[in-house]
Amino acid sequence: MTHPIYPDLDAASVFITGGGSGIGAGLTDAFLRQGARVAFVQRSDATAFCDAMQQATGNRPLFIACDITDAQALKAAIAQAAEAHGPVQVLVNNAANDQRHRLEDVTEDFLDWSLAINFKCHVTACQAVVPAMRALGGGSIVNITSISYMMGNAGYPIYTAANSALNGLTRSLAREFGPDRIRVNALAPGWVMTPKQLEHWVTPEGLAEHLKRQCLPDTLAPEDIARGVLFLASNASRAMTGQALVIDGGVVVTG
């Protein structure tokens, strides 16, 4: 799948959390094809993925091993990316974990972990990039959320609560940093057919039922989400901030 070309993203310093798998891998690939200088973090080794990206795009991403729930480690990773590629101009808070759970089974440790990976790390990353973006005269932050909180889905209440909180964070930061020309938007994907989803939760019956909810009959791929993120990252959306862009095939409606 090809992507539109945004000339202002060529050589841009881009930082992505969870950029080596799932939707994140699609984001890394898409930005590399724009000519951007991409750094990403995740816990597991991504050397093979970086090799594949270099072969496919001619542009190698910088992989930094990091547990994003460790605030100091995440801030250090962003500083390392800035040292290698220049101050971060585009931050994509993509990493998340939608582990299924019931409220009665939620322990304090699970609650702390889920909020740490689905919300707290987004705050930390924003704190880390804003000073340099302000000095640059602007930047773009994209928070990846989900339509799950809009649908009121059961089965992962802490995850959906964190997703809802990300929209509040997005709106408040857009207002706070708008005078610095730092744009903050959210993007809510629908059910994207990533390897994790296909392995754990996609069944023929479940997928067929979900597709009935969509206006469009096609399943979603990471590339579909990447196209929206490229738009929000680029100057094509220079007048857009504090918004939640939904890419879900038409399951939920906004406005």
Protein backbone atom coordinates (compact mmCIF):
# COMPACT_ATOMS: atom_id res chain seq x y z
CA MET A 1 0.00 0.00 0.00
CA THR A 2 1.45 3.36 -1.00
CA HIS A 3 1.20 6.55 1.05
CA PRO A 4 0.84 10.19 0.03
CA ILE A 5 4.12 12.10 0.21
CA TYR A 6 4.44 14.97 2.66
CA PRO A 7 7.60 16.91 1.77
CA ASP A 8 7.85 18.57 5.19
CA LEU A 9 8.34 15.14 6.80
CA ASP A 10 11.53 14.53 4.81
CA ALA A 11 14.41 14.51 7.34
CA ALA A 12 11.99 15.26 10.21
CA SER A 13 12.96 13.82 13.60
CA VAL A 14 10.19 11.39 14.58
CA PHE A 15 9.87 9.42 17.83
CA ILE A 16 7.41 6.51 18.10
CA THR A 17 6.63 4.40 21.15
CA GLY A 18 6.09 0.73 20.36
CA GLY A 19 7.31 1.27 16.82
CA GLY A 20 8.52 -2.24 16.04
CA SER A 21 5.32 -4.27 15.94
CA GLY A 22 1.64 -4.06 15.11
CA ILE A 23 0.34 -0.62 14.22
CA GLY A 24 3.66 0.82 15.37
CA ALA A 25 5.58 -1.13 12.76
CA GLY A 26 3.29 0.30 10.09
CA LEU A 27 3.96 3.79 11.44
CA THR A 28 7.73 3.32 11.39
CA ASP A 29 7.58 2.01 7.83
CA ALA A 30 5.39 4.91 6.68
CA PHE A 31 7.61 7.62 8.19
CA LEU A 32 10.77 5.99 6.84
CA ARG A 33 9.28 6.11 3.35
CA GLN A 34 8.76 9.85 3.83
CA GLY A 35 12.50 10.20 4.41
CA ALA A 36 12.04 10.93 8.11
CA ARG A 37 14.64 10.14 10.75
CA VAL A 38 12.75 7.67 12.90
CA ALA A 39 13.58 6.49 16.40
CA PHE A 40 11.36 4.07 18.29
CA VAL A 41 11.27 2.23 21.58
CA GLN A 42 9.99 -1.11 22.76
CA ARG A 43 11.14 -3.72 25.27
CA SER A 44 11.86 -6.63 22.91
CA ASP A 45 14.79 -6.65 20.50
CA ALA A 46 13.95 -5.09 17.14
CA THR A 47 17.22 -5.55 15.27
CA ALA A 48 15.69 -7.87 12.68
CA PHE A 49 12.85 -5.42 12.12
CA CYS A 50 15.33 -2.57 11.61
CA ASP A 51 17.25 -4.69 9.11
CA ALA A 52 14.04 -5.38 7.21
CA MET A 53 13.07 -1.71 7.22
CA GLN A 54 16.45 -0.65 5.90
CA GLN A 55 16.21 -3.17 3.09
CA ALA A 56 12.63 -2.21 2.23
CA THR A 57 12.92 1.58 2.48
CA GLY A 58 16.63 2.39 2.23
CA ASN A 59 16.24 4.23 5.54
CA ARG A 60 17.16 2.61 8.86
CA PRO A 61 15.29 3.47 12.06
CA LEU A 62 17.02 3.88 15.40
CA PHE A 63 15.84 1.26 17.86
CA ILE A 64 16.22 1.98 21.56
CA ALA A 65 15.34 -0.79 24.01
CA CYS A 66 13.13 0.71 26.71
CA ASP A 67 10.43 -0.13 29.20
CA ILE A 68 8.16 2.87 28.66
CA THR A 69 6.58 2.47 32.09
CA ASP A 70 9.96 3.59 33.49
CA ALA A 71 9.65 7.38 33.18
CA GLN A 72 13.36 8.09 33.49
CA ALA A 73 14.25 5.43 30.90
CA LEU A 74 11.70 6.87 28.47
CA LYS A 75 13.02 10.40 28.92
CA ALA A 76 16.57 9.10 28.38
CA ALA A 77 15.48 7.33 25.18
CA ILE A 78 13.94 10.53 23.83
CA ALA A 79 17.14 12.40 24.66
CA GLN A 80 19.15 9.71 22.84
CA ALA A 81 16.89 10.02 19.79
CA ALA A 82 17.31 13.80 19.79
CA GLU A 83 21.08 13.42 20.01
CA ALA A 84 21.05 11.13 16.97
CA HIS A 85 18.39 12.81 14.81
CA GLY A 86 17.95 16.32 16.17
CA PRO A 87 15.17 17.59 18.45
CA VAL A 88 11.98 15.56 18.14
CA GLN A 89 9.54 17.30 15.81
CA VAL A 90 6.91 14.56 15.73
CA LEU A 91 5.96 12.39 18.71
CA VAL A 92 3.63 9.45 18.20
CA ASN A 93 2.44 7.92 21.47
CA ASN A 94 1.47 4.57 20.02
CA ALA A 95 2.40 1.91 22.57
CA ALA A 96 -0.46 0.38 24.54
CA ASN A 97 -1.60 -2.94 25.96
CA ASP A 98 -5.23 -3.99 25.73
CA GLN A 99 -4.93 -7.05 27.96
CA ARG A 100 -8.39 -8.37 28.67
CA HIS A 101 -9.66 -8.22 32.27
CA ARG A 102 -12.76 -8.03 34.44
CA LEU A 103 -13.15 -5.29 37.04
CA GLU A 104 -13.52 -7.78 39.90
CA ASP A 105 -10.15 -9.29 38.97
CA VAL A 106 -8.26 -5.97 38.86
CA THR A 107 -5.59 -5.75 41.55
CA GLU A 108 -3.80 -2.60 42.59
CA ASP A 109 -0.67 -3.80 40.79
CA PHE A 110 -2.60 -4.45 37.58
CA LEU A 111 -4.30 -1.08 37.80
CA ASP A 112 -0.95 0.70 38.24
CA TRP A 113 0.60 -1.26 35.35
CA SER A 114 -2.29 -0.69 32.95
CA LEU A 115 -2.43 3.05 33.61
CA ALA A 116 1.35 3.26 33.35
CA ILE A 117 1.50 1.75 29.86
CA ASN A 118 -1.78 3.15 28.52
CA PHE A 119 -1.67 6.68 29.94
CA LYS A 120 1.24 7.68 32.18
CA CYS A 121 3.93 7.06 29.54
CA HIS A 122 2.09 9.38 27.15
CA VAL A 123 2.31 12.16 29.71
CA THR A 124 6.00 11.45 30.26
CA ALA A 125 6.79 11.53 26.53
CA CYS A 126 4.92 14.80 26.06
CA GLN A 127 6.82 16.36 28.95
CA ALA A 128 10.09 15.25 27.36
CA VAL A 129 9.50 16.64 23.86
CA VAL A 130 7.66 19.90 24.51
CA PRO A 131 10.66 22.09 25.50
CA ALA A 132 12.52 21.30 22.26
CA MET A 133 9.36 21.68 20.17
CA ARG A 134 8.79 25.08 21.74
CA ALA A 135 12.36 26.08 20.87
CA LEU A 136 11.85 24.86 17.29
CA GLY A 137 8.73 26.98 16.92
CA GLY A 138 6.30 24.09 16.80
CA GLY A 139 5.76 20.36 16.51
CA SER A 140 3.14 17.64 16.31
CA ILE A 141 2.08 15.13 18.97
CA VAL A 142 -0.25 12.28 18.02
CA ASN A 143 -1.81 10.14 20.76
CA ILE A 144 -3.09 6.79 19.51
CA THR A 145 -6.26 5.87 21.38
CA SER A 146 -9.05 3.47 20.35
CA ILE A 147 -12.73 3.44 19.49
CA SER A 148 -13.27 0.88 22.27
CA TYR A 149 -14.16 3.54 24.84
CA MET A 150 -16.61 5.15 22.40
CA MET A 151 -18.33 1.81 21.90
CA GLY A 152 -18.55 1.11 25.62
CA ASN A 153 -16.98 -2.31 25.13
CA ALA A 154 -16.78 -4.69 28.07
CA GLY A 155 -13.76 -6.86 28.83
CA TYR A 156 -11.06 -4.25 29.47
CA PRO A 157 -12.45 -1.36 31.56
CA ILE A 158 -9.11 0.06 32.72
CA TYR A 159 -7.85 0.15 29.13
CA THR A 160 -10.96 1.95 27.87
CA ALA A 161 -10.78 4.39 30.79
CA ALA A 162 -7.17 5.20 29.89
CA ASN A 163 -8.19 5.72 26.26
CA SER A 164 -10.88 8.14 27.30
CA ALA A 165 -8.38 9.97 29.51
CA LEU A 166 -6.03 10.35 26.55
CA ASN A 167 -8.66 12.38 24.76
CA GLY A 168 -8.94 14.71 27.73
CA LEU A 169 -5.16 15.01 27.84
CA THR A 170 -5.05 15.70 24.10
CA ARG A 171 -7.57 18.54 24.33
CA SER A 172 -5.94 20.17 27.35
CA LEU A 173 -2.41 19.99 25.93
CA ALA A 174 -3.64 21.36 22.59
CA ARG A 175 -4.95 24.40 24.46
CA GLU A 176 -1.86 24.69 26.66
CA PHE A 177 0.72 24.49 23.89
CA GLY A 178 -1.20 25.99 20.99
CA PRO A 179 0.48 29.37 21.47
CA ASP A 180 3.80 27.59 20.87
CA ARG A 181 2.42 26.10 17.63
CA ILE A 182 2.65 22.62 19.12
CA ARG A 183 -0.30 20.65 17.80
CA VAL A 184 -1.74 17.76 19.83
CA ASN A 185 -4.25 15.40 18.27
CA ALA A 186 -5.58 11.92 18.95
CA LEU A 187 -6.22 9.14 16.47
CA ALA A 188 -8.66 6.36 17.34
CA PRO A 189 -8.29 3.19 15.26
CA GLY A 190 -10.98 0.59 14.91
CA TRP A 191 -10.23 -3.13 14.91
CA VAL A 192 -6.91 -3.39 13.04
CA MET A 193 -5.75 -6.79 11.88
CA THR A 194 -2.33 -6.84 13.55
CA PRO A 195 -0.52 -10.12 14.26
CA LYS A 196 -1.41 -9.79 17.97
CA GLN A 197 -5.12 -9.36 17.25
CA LEU A 198 -5.11 -12.23 14.77
CA GLU A 199 -3.34 -14.51 17.25
CA HIS A 200 -5.39 -13.77 20.35
CA TRP A 201 -8.82 -12.40 19.53
CA VAL A 202 -9.86 -12.56 15.88
CA THR A 203 -12.28 -15.36 15.07
CA PRO A 204 -14.26 -15.75 11.83
CA GLU A 205 -17.51 -15.25 13.72
CA GLY A 206 -16.27 -12.25 15.70
CA LEU A 207 -14.78 -10.58 12.65
CA ALA A 208 -17.93 -11.10 10.60
CA GLU A 209 -20.02 -9.55 13.37
CA HIS A 210 -17.68 -6.56 13.63
CA LEU A 211 -17.67 -5.97 9.88
CA LYS A 212 -21.46 -5.73 10.04
CA ARG A 213 -20.98 -2.70 12.32
CA GLN A 214 -18.68 -0.99 9.84
CA CYS A 215 -20.03 1.17 7.04
CA LEU A 216 -17.20 -0.08 4.83
CA PRO A 217 -16.88 -3.83 4.23
CA ASP A 218 -13.08 -4.09 4.36
CA THR A 219 -10.87 -5.05 7.30
CA LEU A 220 -8.39 -2.50 8.60
CA ALA A 221 -4.61 -2.80 8.29
CA PRO A 222 -1.81 -0.87 10.06
CA GLU A 223 -1.24 1.05 6.82
CA ASP A 224 -4.72 2.56 7.11
CA ILE A 225 -3.81 4.04 10.49
CA ALA A 226 -0.39 5.18 9.27
CA ARG A 227 -1.97 7.33 6.58
CA GLY A 228 -3.92 9.26 9.18
CA VAL A 229 -0.88 9.69 11.42
CA LEU A 230 1.19 11.04 8.53
CA PHE A 231 -1.51 13.63 7.89
CA LEU A 232 -1.61 14.69 11.55
CA ALA A 233 2.18 14.84 11.71
CA SER A 234 2.58 16.96 8.60
CA ASN A 235 1.91 20.60 7.81
CA ALA A 236 -1.11 19.43 5.81
CA SER A 237 -2.95 19.54 9.16
CA ARG A 238 -1.29 22.75 10.39
CA ALA A 239 -4.64 24.23 11.51
CA MET A 240 -5.83 21.07 13.26
CA THR A 241 -5.29 20.50 16.98
CA GLY A 242 -7.20 19.17 19.96
CA GLN A 243 -9.11 16.76 17.71
CA ALA A 244 -9.77 13.03 17.67
CA LEU A 245 -9.51 11.50 14.21
CA VAL A 246 -11.35 8.17 13.92
CA ILE A 247 -10.23 5.55 11.39
CA ASP A 248 -12.47 2.55 11.91
CA GLY A 249 -14.30 1.79 8.68
CA GLY A 250 -17.34 3.63 9.98
CA VAL A 251 -18.23 1.91 13.25
CA VAL A 252 -18.66 4.99 15.42
CA VAL A 253 -19.79 8.41 14.33
CA THR A 254 -18.51 11.74 15.65
CA GLY A 255 -19.71 15.32 15.58
